[in-house]
Every structure is written in structure tokens, then in C-alpha cells.
C-alpha atoms as a PDB file:
ATOM      1  CA  UNK A   1      15.142   6.848 -16.159  1.00  0.00           C
ATOM      2  CA  UNK A   2      17.883   4.412 -15.916  1.00  0.00           C
ATOM      3  CA  UNK A   3      18.160   5.182 -12.372  1.00  0.00           C
ATOM      4  CA  UNK A   4      14.464   3.982 -12.043  1.00  0.00           C
ATOM      5  CA  UNK A   5      15.026   0.906 -14.058  1.00  0.00           C
ATOM      6  CA  UNK A   6      17.639  -0.302 -11.656  1.00  0.00           C
ATOM      7  CA  UNK A   7      15.505   0.445  -8.773  1.00  0.00           C
ATOM      8  CA  UNK A   8      12.669  -1.571 -10.062  1.00  0.00           C
ATOM      9  CA  UNK A   9      15.048  -4.672 -10.974  1.00  0.00           C
ATOM     10  CA  UNK A  10      16.456  -4.581  -7.431  1.00  0.00           C
ATOM     11  CA  UNK A  11      12.849  -4.682  -6.532  1.00  0.00           C
ATOM     12  CA  UNK A  12      12.446  -7.561  -8.843  1.00  0.00           C
ATOM     13  CA  UNK A  13      15.257  -9.554  -7.489  1.00  0.00           C
ATOM     14  CA  UNK A  14      14.866  -9.159  -4.053  1.00  0.00           C
ATOM     15  CA  UNK A  15      14.229 -12.590  -2.179  1.00  0.00           C
ATOM     16  CA  UNK A  16      11.713 -12.447   0.710  1.00  0.00           C
ATOM     17  CA  UNK A  17      10.850 -14.858   3.486  1.00  0.00           C
ATOM     18  CA  UNK A  18       7.900 -17.535   3.059  1.00  0.00           C
ATOM     19  CA  UNK A  19       5.548 -15.294   4.712  1.00  0.00           C
ATOM     20  CA  UNK A  20       6.184 -12.268   2.281  1.00  0.00           C
ATOM     21  CA  UNK A  21       5.187 -11.855  -1.433  1.00  0.00           C
ATOM     22  CA  UNK A  22       7.294  -9.679  -4.107  1.00  0.00           C
ATOM     23  CA  UNK A  23       4.678  -8.901  -6.303  1.00  0.00           C
ATOM     24  CA  UNK A  24       7.629  -7.114  -8.623  1.00  0.00           C
ATOM     25  CA  UNK A  25       8.205 -10.795  -9.921  1.00  0.00           C
ATOM     26  CA  UNK A  26       4.776  -9.715 -11.699  1.00  0.00           C
ATOM     27  CA  UNK A  27       5.757  -7.838 -15.243  1.00  0.00           C
ATOM     28  CA  UNK A  28       2.640  -5.713 -15.164  1.00  0.00           C
ATOM     29  CA  UNK A  29       3.355  -4.873 -11.594  1.00  0.00           C
ATOM     30  CA  UNK A  30       7.138  -3.590 -12.507  1.00  0.00           C
ATOM     31  CA  UNK A  31       5.323  -1.412 -15.425  1.00  0.00           C
ATOM     32  CA  UNK A  32       2.670   0.123 -12.817  1.00  0.00           C
ATOM     33  CA  UNK A  33       5.707   1.129 -10.520  1.00  0.00           C
ATOM     34  CA  UNK A  34       7.952   2.422 -13.297  1.00  0.00           C
ATOM     35  CA  UNK A  35       4.752   4.220 -15.063  1.00  0.00           C
ATOM     36  CA  UNK A  36       4.307   5.870 -11.453  1.00  0.00           C
ATOM     37  CA  UNK A  37       7.856   6.898 -10.834  1.00  0.00           C
ATOM     38  CA  UNK A  38       8.594   8.377 -14.046  1.00  0.00           C
ATOM     39  CA  UNK A  39       5.134  10.649 -13.535  1.00  0.00           C
ATOM     40  CA  UNK A  40       6.338  11.525 -10.160  1.00  0.00           C
ATOM     41  CA  UNK A  41       9.643  12.634 -11.490  1.00  0.00           C
ATOM     42  CA  UNK A  42       7.939  14.839 -14.024  1.00  0.00           C
ATOM     43  CA  UNK A  43       6.058  16.205 -10.827  1.00  0.00           C
ATOM     44  CA  UNK A  44       9.750  16.488  -8.939  1.00  0.00           C
ATOM     45  CA  UNK A  45       8.144  16.172  -5.629  1.00  0.00           C
ATOM     46  CA  UNK A  46       9.973  16.988  -2.467  1.00  0.00           C
ATOM     47  CA  UNK A  47       7.771  15.663  -0.049  1.00  0.00           C
ATOM     48  CA  UNK A  48       7.074  12.109   0.590  1.00  0.00           C
ATOM     49  CA  UNK A  49       4.967   9.936   2.236  1.00  0.00           C
ATOM     50  CA  UNK A  50       6.345   6.698   4.009  1.00  0.00           C
ATOM     51  CA  UNK A  51       3.379   3.625   5.351  1.00  0.00           C
ATOM     52  CA  UNK A  52       4.353   0.633   6.719  1.00  0.00           C
ATOM     53  CA  UNK A  53       3.750  -2.435   4.129  1.00  0.00           C
ATOM     54  CA  UNK A  54       1.770  -3.343   0.899  1.00  0.00           C
ATOM     55  CA  UNK A  55      -1.762  -4.671   1.809  1.00  0.00           C
ATOM     56  CA  UNK A  56      -3.006  -7.415   0.256  1.00  0.00           C
ATOM     57  CA  UNK A  57      -6.365  -5.409  -1.162  1.00  0.00           C
ATOM     58  CA  UNK A  58      -3.941  -2.845  -2.632  1.00  0.00           C
ATOM     59  CA  UNK A  59      -0.376  -2.249  -3.553  1.00  0.00           C
ATOM     60  CA  UNK A  60      -0.177  -6.274  -3.397  1.00  0.00           C
ATOM     61  CA  UNK A  61      -2.461  -6.165  -6.367  1.00  0.00           C
ATOM     62  CA  UNK A  62      -0.781  -2.938  -8.503  1.00  0.00           C
ATOM     63  CA  UNK A  63       2.330  -2.473  -7.528  1.00  0.00           C
ATOM     64  CA  UNK A  64       2.137   1.216  -6.439  1.00  0.00           C
ATOM     65  CA  UNK A  65       1.888   1.708  -2.431  1.00  0.00           C
ATOM     66  CA  UNK A  66      -1.540   3.108  -1.195  1.00  0.00           C
ATOM     67  CA  UNK A  67      -3.376   2.756  -4.247  1.00  0.00           C
ATOM     68  CA  UNK A  68      -6.414  -0.223  -5.600  1.00  0.00           C
ATOM     69  CA  UNK A  69      -7.342  -1.424  -8.504  1.00  0.00           C
ATOM     70  CA  UNK A  70     -10.259   0.641  -8.328  1.00  0.00           C
ATOM     71  CA  UNK A  71      -8.026   3.648  -8.082  1.00  0.00           C
ATOM     72  CA  UNK A  72      -5.736   3.028 -11.052  1.00  0.00           C
ATOM     73  CA  UNK A  73      -8.672   2.215 -13.247  1.00  0.00           C
ATOM     74  CA  UNK A  74     -10.816   5.342 -11.705  1.00  0.00           C
ATOM     75  CA  UNK A  75      -8.548   8.363 -10.843  1.00  0.00           C
ATOM     76  CA  UNK A  76      -7.081  10.265 -13.606  1.00  0.00           C
ATOM     77  CA  UNK A  77      -3.261  10.338 -12.380  1.00  0.00           C
ATOM     78  CA  UNK A  78      -3.043   7.060 -13.462  1.00  0.00           C
ATOM     79  CA  UNK A  79      -5.018   7.091 -16.803  1.00  0.00           C
ATOM     80  CA  UNK A  80      -1.861   6.042 -18.973  1.00  0.00           C
ATOM     81  CA  UNK A  81       0.340   3.162 -18.854  1.00  0.00           C
ATOM     82  CA  UNK A  82      -1.141   1.287 -15.969  1.00  0.00           C
ATOM     83  CA  UNK A  83      -2.686  -2.252 -16.044  1.00  0.00           C
ATOM     84  CA  UNK A  84      -4.939  -3.922 -13.473  1.00  0.00           C
ATOM     85  CA  UNK A  85      -7.013  -6.997 -13.754  1.00  0.00           C
ATOM     86  CA  UNK A  86      -9.865  -6.223 -11.277  1.00  0.00           C
ATOM     87  CA  UNK A  87     -11.892  -3.575  -9.638  1.00  0.00           C
ATOM     88  CA  UNK A  88     -11.055  -4.070  -6.200  1.00  0.00           C
ATOM     89  CA  UNK A  89     -11.276  -1.572  -3.461  1.00  0.00           C
ATOM     90  CA  UNK A  90      -9.007  -0.929  -0.468  1.00  0.00           C
ATOM     91  CA  UNK A  91      -9.796   1.472   2.547  1.00  0.00           C
ATOM     92  CA  UNK A  92      -6.600   2.711   3.096  1.00  0.00           C
ATOM     93  CA  UNK A  93      -6.003   3.857  -0.494  1.00  0.00           C
ATOM     94  CA  UNK A  94      -9.193   5.226  -0.757  1.00  0.00           C
ATOM     95  CA  UNK A  95      -8.789   6.985   2.370  1.00  0.00           C
ATOM     96  CA  UNK A  96      -5.506   8.736   0.679  1.00  0.00           C
ATOM     97  CA  UNK A  97      -6.461   9.721  -2.347  1.00  0.00           C
ATOM     98  CA  UNK A  98      -9.507  11.544  -0.964  1.00  0.00           C
ATOM     99  CA  UNK A  99      -6.812  13.700   0.786  1.00  0.00           C
ATOM    100  CA  UNK A 100      -4.585  14.189  -1.865  1.00  0.00           C
ATOM    101  CA  UNK A 101      -7.457  15.126  -4.149  1.00  0.00           C
ATOM    102  CA  UNK A 102      -7.612  18.296  -2.041  1.00  0.00           C
ATOM    103  CA  UNK A 103      -4.279  18.800  -2.722  1.00  0.00           C
ATOM    104  CA  UNK A 104      -2.576  20.995  -5.479  1.00  0.00           C
ATOM    105  CA  UNK A 105       0.603  18.756  -5.643  1.00  0.00           C
ATOM    106  CA  UNK A 106       1.030  14.846  -5.209  1.00  0.00           C
ATOM    107  CA  UNK A 107       3.918  13.862  -2.658  1.00  0.00           C
ATOM    108  CA  UNK A 108       5.430  10.565  -3.700  1.00  0.00           C
ATOM    109  CA  UNK A 109       4.116   7.660  -1.502  1.00  0.00           C
ATOM    110  CA  UNK A 110       6.209   4.697  -0.398  1.00  0.00           C
ATOM    111  CA  UNK A 111       6.580   1.967   2.161  1.00  0.00           C
ATOM    112  CA  UNK A 112       9.239   1.120   4.929  1.00  0.00           C
ATOM    113  CA  UNK A 113       8.854  -2.614   3.604  1.00  0.00           C
ATOM    114  CA  UNK A 114       7.837  -2.450  -0.094  1.00  0.00           C
ATOM    115  CA  UNK A 115       6.909  -6.137  -0.095  1.00  0.00           C
ATOM    116  CA  UNK A 116       3.444  -7.495   1.087  1.00  0.00           C
ATOM    117  CA  UNK A 117       4.034  -9.294   4.454  1.00  0.00           C
ATOM    118  CA  UNK A 118       0.950 -12.280   5.464  1.00  0.00           C
ATOM    119  CA  UNK A 119       0.231 -14.545   8.249  1.00  0.00           C
ATOM    120  CA  UNK A 120      -1.219 -17.766   7.296  1.00  0.00           C
ATOM    121  CA  UNK A 121      -2.577 -17.003   3.879  1.00  0.00           C
ATOM    122  CA  UNK A 122      -2.405 -14.369   1.116  1.00  0.00           C
ATOM    123  CA  UNK A 123      -5.260 -12.669   1.940  1.00  0.00           C
ATOM    124  CA  UNK A 124      -3.884 -11.287   5.287  1.00  0.00           C
ATOM    125  CA  UNK A 125      -1.768  -8.508   6.160  1.00  0.00           C
ATOM    126  CA  UNK A 126       0.849  -8.428   9.157  1.00  0.00           C
ATOM    127  CA  UNK A 127       3.465  -6.068  10.416  1.00  0.00           C
ATOM    128  CA  UNK A 128       6.904  -6.485   8.937  1.00  0.00           C
ATOM    129  CA  UNK A 129       9.288  -7.785  11.194  1.00  0.00           C
ATOM    130  CA  UNK A 130      12.608  -6.349  12.305  1.00  0.00           C
ATOM    131  CA  UNK A 131      14.625  -8.158   9.429  1.00  0.00           C
ATOM    132  CA  UNK A 132      11.941  -7.232   6.421  1.00  0.00           C
ATOM    133  CA  UNK A 133      12.477  -3.735   7.866  1.00  0.00           C
ATOM    134  CA  UNK A 134      16.087  -3.361   7.639  1.00  0.00           C
ATOM    135  CA  UNK A 135      15.935  -4.798   4.521  1.00  0.00           C
ATOM    136  CA  UNK A 136      13.396  -2.186   3.424  1.00  0.00           C
ATOM    137  CA  UNK A 137      15.474   0.267   4.427  1.00  0.00           C
ATOM    138  CA  UNK A 138      17.763  -0.175   1.279  1.00  0.00           C
ATOM    139  CA  UNK A 139      14.997   0.814  -0.963  1.00  0.00           C
ATOM    140  CA  UNK A 140      13.587   3.648   1.036  1.00  0.00           C
ATOM    141  CA  UNK A 141      17.111   5.297   1.430  1.00  0.00           C
ATOM    142  CA  UNK A 142      17.671   5.010  -2.774  1.00  0.00           C
ATOM    143  CA  UNK A 143      14.305   6.234  -3.559  1.00  0.00           C
ATOM    144  CA  UNK A 144      15.050   9.201  -0.883  1.00  0.00           C
ATOM    145  CA  UNK A 145      18.141  10.002  -2.677  1.00  0.00           C
ATOM    146  CA  UNK A 146      16.580   9.614  -6.307  1.00  0.00           C
ATOM    147  CA  UNK A 147      13.571  12.507  -5.657  1.00  0.00           C
ATOM    148  CA  UNK A 148      15.976  14.329  -3.379  1.00  0.00           C
ATOM    149  CA  UNK A 149      13.271  14.200  -1.326  1.00  0.00           C
ATOM    150  CA  UNK A 150      13.528  17.360   1.723  1.00  0.00           C
ATOM    151  CA  UNK A 151      10.337  16.664   3.818  1.00  0.00           C
ATOM    152  CA  UNK A 152       9.094  13.018   4.645  1.00  0.00           C
ATOM    153  CA  UNK A 153       6.152  12.479   6.588  1.00  0.00           C
ATOM    154  CA  UNK A 154       5.443   8.856   8.417  1.00  0.00           C
ATOM    155  CA  UNK A 155       2.098   7.178   7.590  1.00  0.00           C
ATOM    156  CA  UNK A 156       2.161   5.544  11.865  1.00  0.00           C
ATOM    157  CA  UNK A 157       4.512   4.459  14.198  1.00  0.00           C
ATOM    158  CA  UNK A 158       6.138   1.433  12.377  1.00  0.00           C
ATOM    159  CA  UNK A 159       7.270   3.965   9.616  1.00  0.00           C
ATOM    160  CA  UNK A 160       8.588   6.754  12.087  1.00  0.00           C
ATOM    161  CA  UNK A 161      10.701   4.531  14.118  1.00  0.00           C
ATOM    162  CA  UNK A 162      12.166   3.223  11.021  1.00  0.00           C
ATOM    163  CA  UNK A 163      13.334   6.394   9.335  1.00  0.00           C
ATOM    164  CA  UNK A 164      14.474   7.768  12.886  1.00  0.00           C
ATOM    165  CA  UNK A 165      16.732   4.578  12.928  1.00  0.00           C
ATOM    166  CA  UNK A 166      17.912   5.231   9.100  1.00  0.00           C
ATOM    167  CA  UNK A 167      18.484   8.930  10.428  1.00  0.00           C
ATOM    168  CA  UNK A 168      15.791  10.881   8.760  1.00  0.00           C
ATOM    169  CA  UNK A 169      13.336  13.061  10.385  1.00  0.00           C
ATOM    170  CA  UNK A 170       9.760  12.635   9.924  1.00  0.00           C
ATOM    171  CA  UNK A 171       6.909  14.474  10.567  1.00  0.00           C
ATOM    172  CA  UNK A 172       4.394  11.520  11.959  1.00  0.00           C
ATOM    173  CA  UNK A 173       0.216  11.329  11.209  1.00  0.00           C
ATOM    174  CA  UNK A 174      -1.654   8.824  12.812  1.00  0.00           C
ATOM    175  CA  UNK A 175      -2.015   5.488   9.921  1.00  0.00           C
ATOM    176  CA  UNK A 176      -5.812   5.606   8.490  1.00  0.00           C
ATOM    177  CA  UNK A 177      -6.679   1.981   9.187  1.00  0.00           C
ATOM    178  CA  UNK A 178      -8.707   0.855  12.471  1.00  0.00           C
ATOM    179  CA  UNK A 179     -10.641   3.720  13.095  1.00  0.00           C
ATOM    180  CA  UNK A 180      -7.896   6.263  11.975  1.00  0.00           C
ATOM    181  CA  UNK A 181      -9.581   8.172   9.148  1.00  0.00           C
ATOM    182  CA  UNK A 182     -10.449  11.119  10.307  1.00  0.00           C
ATOM    183  CA  UNK A 183      -7.438  11.885  12.575  1.00  0.00           C
ATOM    184  CA  UNK A 184      -5.178  10.925   9.292  1.00  0.00           C
ATOM    185  CA  UNK A 185      -7.319  12.963   7.216  1.00  0.00           C
ATOM    186  CA  UNK A 186      -7.168  16.390   9.477  1.00  0.00           C
ATOM    187  CA  UNK A 187      -3.178  15.798  10.344  1.00  0.00           C
ATOM    188  CA  UNK A 188      -2.308  14.990   6.995  1.00  0.00           C
ATOM    189  CA  UNK A 189      -4.198  18.007   5.359  1.00  0.00           C
ATOM    190  CA  UNK A 190      -2.614  20.011   7.973  1.00  0.00           C
ATOM    191  CA  UNK A 191       1.058  18.992   7.090  1.00  0.00           C
ATOM    192  CA  UNK A 192       0.643  18.761   3.608  1.00  0.00           C
ATOM    193  CA  UNK A 193      -0.996  22.394   2.909  1.00  0.00           C
ATOM    194  CA  UNK A 194       2.310  23.582   5.279  1.00  0.00           C
ATOM    195  CA  UNK A 195       4.921  21.481   2.754  1.00  0.00           C
ATOM    196  CA  UNK A 196       3.491  21.141  -0.402  1.00  0.00           C
ATOM    197  CA  UNK A 197       3.983  24.711  -1.205  1.00  0.00           C
ATOM    198  CA  UNK A 198       7.568  25.176  -1.036  1.00  0.00           C
ATOM    199  CA  UNK A 199       7.878  21.503  -2.624  1.00  0.00           C
END
């Protein structure tokens, strides 16, 4: 577990721009991420899903990519060792876990940029810039190595381009946001059914 502690400490101590938020300065978010990564180590996934960045209604509040407070409080995967304040839902997180509930195994989930990039206020989302994407590459590579990931699924264009630039081949699916729910679900189920069997 030392590698997980070191990874989380690096996240906690990372400096971000004034229009980005490091939620890992908060002890509860660090505990949530630690519990999530320890659970994933027990599962030993070889498939990884990589998104773009945390959203203000999702990972910013939980510390875990593609989750929401509602999912943390209601999904059986998160029944022990997780703590959130409210019951906020987040659309992409809900869509993601609806798909994962159809699978026998769960892939590891992370983002290109692990902190929340926002526009003019905290309750907004924006695409991470090049500097932030480069910054996030350090954490992304560390997690891939930590879990010895064999197959990577890029959720959206930013994730696919970043992974290519880092030297990783990936399979791309449509991002669930902005009307992409049906296409995302169809593509992801197909890829996961093909790849989770051997993971």
C-alpha cells in the first residue's frame, strides 16, 4: 500500500493554476481515493478507462473519477471506507456506472488531468489546457505502472490524444456528455466485453 500512499501524497502536494482546484488538499477526498485504489488492487484490473478531468458535481466532491456523492452513498462497490457530505448526482458518473453494472469486472478509472479545471467560478467545468495535460501525465503514467495496465480505453478526444502523446495505444469511446450517452454506452459495453474477459 506504500505506493498508493506515495501517489496520493504527490497529488495532495501538487500545485495547480488559480482556475483549477486540488481537491486532494482535503483529507476525506484522499481517504476516498485511497479506499478506491486499495479496492481496485484487490480486483487487479488490467483494463483502464481514462477520462478528461474531474467535474464540479462529480470527482471534485468525491475524489474518485467518474463518481458522484449519490453513487458513493448508494453503489455497493463503495459501501465501506468512503465518506461524502451530500447526495449530489453527476450525469457522466451515472451513465458510467450504469454501464459498469452490466460487467462482471470493473476497470480502473482515472483522468488525464486529476484536478478540477473551472472557468469563472467553482461550479463550472472547462477543458484542461496543454500545461495541465502535461502535468497530469506524470500521475497517469504512475497509475498505469502501479496497476500494470495492459489495455487502455480513452473516453473522448482529449484522453486519446494525451495517451498517444505519452506513447500509449488506446481504444477510444465517445464521451457520455453533450448527448453522447447512447453511443458511449454501446461502444464501451462492446469494448469491455471483449477485454475484461482476459483481464
